[in-house]
Amino acid sequence: MIKNGIYKHSKKGTMYKVICTAKNSETLEDFVVYESLYDNETSKYWVRPASMFEDLVEVDGNKVPRFVLVEEEK
């Protein structure tokens, strides 16, 4: 389960706030709705399939979570 809160992107080091999870109305696939916590000219808000949000990525030869929770929303 993806918790609302602040996450760090393992590859870029950028920070994001997970606002909520949502379902695709056609496929019922879970998506994560999140906000950039840095200036991003492309968009402030993003959606990503939950499966991709929770994927492992390679950083310095190690497999680590793509996003790491650093502060859970209370």
N, C-alpha and C. Protein backbone atom coordinates (compact mmCIF):
# COMPACT_ATOMS: atom_id res chain seq x y z
N MET A 1 0.84 -1.19 0.00
CA MET A 1 0.00 0.00 0.00
C MET A 1 0.88 1.25 0.00
N ILE A 2 0.61 2.15 -0.90
CA ILE A 2 1.37 3.39 -1.00
C ILE A 2 0.74 4.42 -0.07
N LYS A 3 1.54 4.93 0.84
CA LYS A 3 1.05 5.88 1.83
C LYS A 3 1.19 7.31 1.32
N ASN A 4 0.28 8.18 1.73
CA ASN A 4 0.41 9.60 1.43
C ASN A 4 1.59 10.15 2.23
N GLY A 5 2.35 11.04 1.62
CA GLY A 5 3.48 11.63 2.30
C GLY A 5 4.53 12.11 1.31
N ILE A 6 5.72 12.37 1.83
CA ILE A 6 6.83 12.89 1.02
C ILE A 6 7.75 11.73 0.64
N TYR A 7 8.08 11.67 -0.64
CA TYR A 7 8.94 10.61 -1.17
C TYR A 7 10.13 11.23 -1.88
N LYS A 8 11.23 10.49 -1.85
CA LYS A 8 12.43 10.88 -2.59
C LYS A 8 12.60 9.92 -3.76
N HIS A 9 12.86 10.49 -4.94
CA HIS A 9 13.13 9.68 -6.13
C HIS A 9 14.57 9.18 -6.04
N SER A 10 14.75 7.88 -6.05
CA SER A 10 16.07 7.29 -5.81
C SER A 10 17.11 7.64 -6.86
N LYS A 11 16.70 7.80 -8.11
CA LYS A 11 17.67 8.10 -9.17
C LYS A 11 18.00 9.59 -9.23
N LYS A 12 16.99 10.43 -9.12
CA LYS A 12 17.18 11.88 -9.31
C LYS A 12 17.42 12.63 -8.01
N GLY A 13 16.95 12.08 -6.90
CA GLY A 13 17.07 12.78 -5.62
C GLY A 13 16.01 13.84 -5.41
N THR A 14 15.08 13.97 -6.35
CA THR A 14 14.02 14.97 -6.26
C THR A 14 12.93 14.49 -5.30
N MET A 15 12.20 15.45 -4.76
CA MET A 15 11.18 15.15 -3.75
C MET A 15 9.78 15.35 -4.33
N TYR A 16 8.87 14.50 -3.86
CA TYR A 16 7.49 14.53 -4.33
C TYR A 16 6.56 14.29 -3.16
N LYS A 17 5.34 14.80 -3.29
CA LYS A 17 4.31 14.56 -2.28
C LYS A 17 3.22 13.70 -2.90
N VAL A 18 3.01 12.51 -2.35
CA VAL A 18 1.92 11.65 -2.82
C VAL A 18 0.63 12.21 -2.23
N ILE A 19 -0.29 12.55 -3.12
CA ILE A 19 -1.57 13.14 -2.72
C ILE A 19 -2.60 12.05 -2.45
N CYS A 20 -2.65 11.07 -3.34
CA CYS A 20 -3.61 9.98 -3.18
C CYS A 20 -3.32 8.89 -4.20
N THR A 21 -4.03 7.79 -4.05
CA THR A 21 -4.05 6.78 -5.10
C THR A 21 -5.43 6.82 -5.74
N ALA A 22 -5.50 6.41 -6.99
CA ALA A 22 -6.75 6.46 -7.73
C ALA A 22 -6.82 5.25 -8.65
N LYS A 23 -8.00 4.97 -9.15
CA LYS A 23 -8.19 3.85 -10.07
C LYS A 23 -8.52 4.36 -11.47
N ASN A 24 -7.98 3.69 -12.47
CA ASN A 24 -8.35 3.95 -13.84
C ASN A 24 -9.79 3.46 -14.01
N SER A 25 -10.65 4.31 -14.55
CA SER A 25 -12.08 3.97 -14.63
C SER A 25 -12.37 2.83 -15.61
N GLU A 26 -11.48 2.58 -16.54
CA GLU A 26 -11.71 1.53 -17.53
C GLU A 26 -11.11 0.19 -17.11
N THR A 27 -9.90 0.25 -16.55
CA THR A 27 -9.17 -0.99 -16.25
C THR A 27 -9.12 -1.33 -14.76
N LEU A 28 -9.46 -0.36 -13.91
CA LEU A 28 -9.37 -0.46 -12.46
C LEU A 28 -7.93 -0.59 -11.97
N GLU A 29 -6.98 -0.27 -12.85
CA GLU A 29 -5.56 -0.26 -12.45
C GLU A 29 -5.34 0.87 -11.45
N ASP A 30 -4.51 0.60 -10.43
CA ASP A 30 -4.19 1.61 -9.43
C ASP A 30 -3.14 2.58 -9.95
N PHE A 31 -3.36 3.87 -9.68
CA PHE A 31 -2.43 4.93 -10.05
C PHE A 31 -2.09 5.75 -8.81
N VAL A 32 -0.93 6.38 -8.84
CA VAL A 32 -0.50 7.28 -7.78
C VAL A 32 -0.56 8.70 -8.33
N VAL A 33 -1.18 9.60 -7.58
CA VAL A 33 -1.25 11.02 -7.94
C VAL A 33 -0.27 11.74 -7.02
N TYR A 34 0.70 12.44 -7.62
CA TYR A 34 1.72 13.08 -6.79
C TYR A 34 2.14 14.43 -7.36
N GLU A 35 2.77 15.22 -6.49
CA GLU A 35 3.12 16.61 -6.78
C GLU A 35 4.64 16.79 -6.66
N SER A 36 5.23 17.48 -7.64
CA SER A 36 6.65 17.83 -7.56
C SER A 36 6.85 18.85 -6.46
N LEU A 37 7.85 18.66 -5.63
CA LEU A 37 8.17 19.63 -4.59
C LEU A 37 9.39 20.45 -4.97
N TYR A 38 9.57 20.64 -6.27
CA TYR A 38 10.65 21.46 -6.81
C TYR A 38 10.10 22.10 -8.08
N ASP A 39 10.77 23.12 -8.57
CA ASP A 39 10.32 23.77 -9.81
C ASP A 39 10.50 22.82 -10.97
N ASN A 40 9.40 22.50 -11.60
CA ASN A 40 9.41 21.60 -12.75
C ASN A 40 8.58 22.28 -13.83
N GLU A 41 9.22 22.70 -14.89
CA GLU A 41 8.54 23.45 -15.94
C GLU A 41 7.52 22.61 -16.71
N THR A 42 7.70 21.30 -16.71
CA THR A 42 6.80 20.44 -17.48
C THR A 42 5.44 20.32 -16.81
N SER A 43 5.42 20.04 -15.50
CA SER A 43 4.17 19.89 -14.76
C SER A 43 4.46 19.87 -13.27
N LYS A 44 3.50 20.30 -12.50
CA LYS A 44 3.60 20.22 -11.04
C LYS A 44 2.99 18.91 -10.54
N TYR A 45 1.97 18.41 -11.24
CA TYR A 45 1.24 17.21 -10.81
C TYR A 45 1.46 16.09 -11.81
N TRP A 46 1.56 14.86 -11.26
CA TRP A 46 1.87 13.68 -12.06
C TRP A 46 1.00 12.51 -11.65
N VAL A 47 0.83 11.57 -12.57
CA VAL A 47 0.21 10.28 -12.25
C VAL A 47 1.13 9.20 -12.81
N ARG A 48 1.17 8.10 -12.10
CA ARG A 48 2.01 6.98 -12.52
C ARG A 48 1.32 5.71 -12.05
N PRO A 49 1.35 4.65 -12.85
CA PRO A 49 0.80 3.39 -12.36
C PRO A 49 1.48 3.01 -11.04
N ALA A 50 0.69 2.54 -10.09
CA ALA A 50 1.24 2.16 -8.79
C ALA A 50 2.33 1.11 -8.94
N SER A 51 2.17 0.21 -9.89
CA SER A 51 3.20 -0.82 -10.09
C SER A 51 4.54 -0.20 -10.48
N MET A 52 4.53 0.86 -11.26
CA MET A 52 5.78 1.56 -11.63
C MET A 52 6.32 2.36 -10.44
N PHE A 53 5.43 2.97 -9.67
CA PHE A 53 5.83 3.75 -8.51
C PHE A 53 6.59 2.86 -7.53
N GLU A 54 6.14 1.62 -7.40
CA GLU A 54 6.74 0.69 -6.44
C GLU A 54 7.89 -0.14 -7.03
N ASP A 55 8.18 0.04 -8.32
CA ASP A 55 9.25 -0.71 -8.97
C ASP A 55 10.60 -0.50 -8.32
N LEU A 56 11.49 -1.45 -8.57
CA LEU A 56 12.89 -1.30 -8.19
C LEU A 56 13.64 -0.73 -9.38
N VAL A 57 14.61 0.14 -9.11
CA VAL A 57 15.46 0.71 -10.15
C VAL A 57 16.92 0.49 -9.74
N GLU A 58 17.81 0.56 -10.71
CA GLU A 58 19.22 0.36 -10.40
C GLU A 58 19.91 1.68 -10.14
N VAL A 59 20.55 1.78 -8.98
CA VAL A 59 21.32 2.96 -8.60
C VAL A 59 22.67 2.46 -8.09
N ASP A 60 23.73 2.89 -8.74
CA ASP A 60 25.08 2.47 -8.36
C ASP A 60 25.21 0.96 -8.27
N GLY A 61 24.59 0.27 -9.21
CA GLY A 61 24.69 -1.19 -9.26
C GLY A 61 23.79 -1.93 -8.30
N ASN A 62 22.98 -1.22 -7.53
CA ASN A 62 22.07 -1.84 -6.57
C ASN A 62 20.62 -1.62 -6.97
N LYS A 63 19.78 -2.60 -6.72
CA LYS A 63 18.34 -2.47 -6.95
C LYS A 63 17.72 -1.85 -5.70
N VAL A 64 17.08 -0.70 -5.89
CA VAL A 64 16.44 0.02 -4.79
C VAL A 64 15.05 0.46 -5.23
N PRO A 65 14.15 0.76 -4.29
CA PRO A 65 12.83 1.27 -4.67
C PRO A 65 12.95 2.58 -5.45
N ARG A 66 12.13 2.74 -6.48
CA ARG A 66 12.15 3.98 -7.28
C ARG A 66 11.87 5.19 -6.40
N PHE A 67 10.89 5.08 -5.50
CA PHE A 67 10.54 6.15 -4.57
C PHE A 67 10.64 5.62 -3.15
N VAL A 68 11.22 6.43 -2.26
CA VAL A 68 11.38 6.04 -0.86
C VAL A 68 10.63 7.04 0.01
N LEU A 69 9.75 6.51 0.86
CA LEU A 69 8.98 7.36 1.78
C LEU A 69 9.94 7.97 2.81
N VAL A 70 9.94 9.30 2.91
CA VAL A 70 10.80 9.96 3.89
C VAL A 70 9.99 10.61 5.02
N GLU A 71 8.71 10.87 4.75
CA GLU A 71 7.84 11.45 5.79
C GLU A 71 6.40 11.08 5.49
N GLU A 72 5.83 10.26 6.35
CA GLU A 72 4.44 9.85 6.19
C GLU A 72 3.52 10.98 6.59
N GLU A 73 2.45 11.19 5.82
CA GLU A 73 1.45 12.21 6.16
C GLU A 73 0.69 11.77 7.39
N LYS A 74 0.48 12.70 8.29
CA LYS A 74 -0.24 12.36 9.53
C LYS A 74 -1.68 12.76 9.46
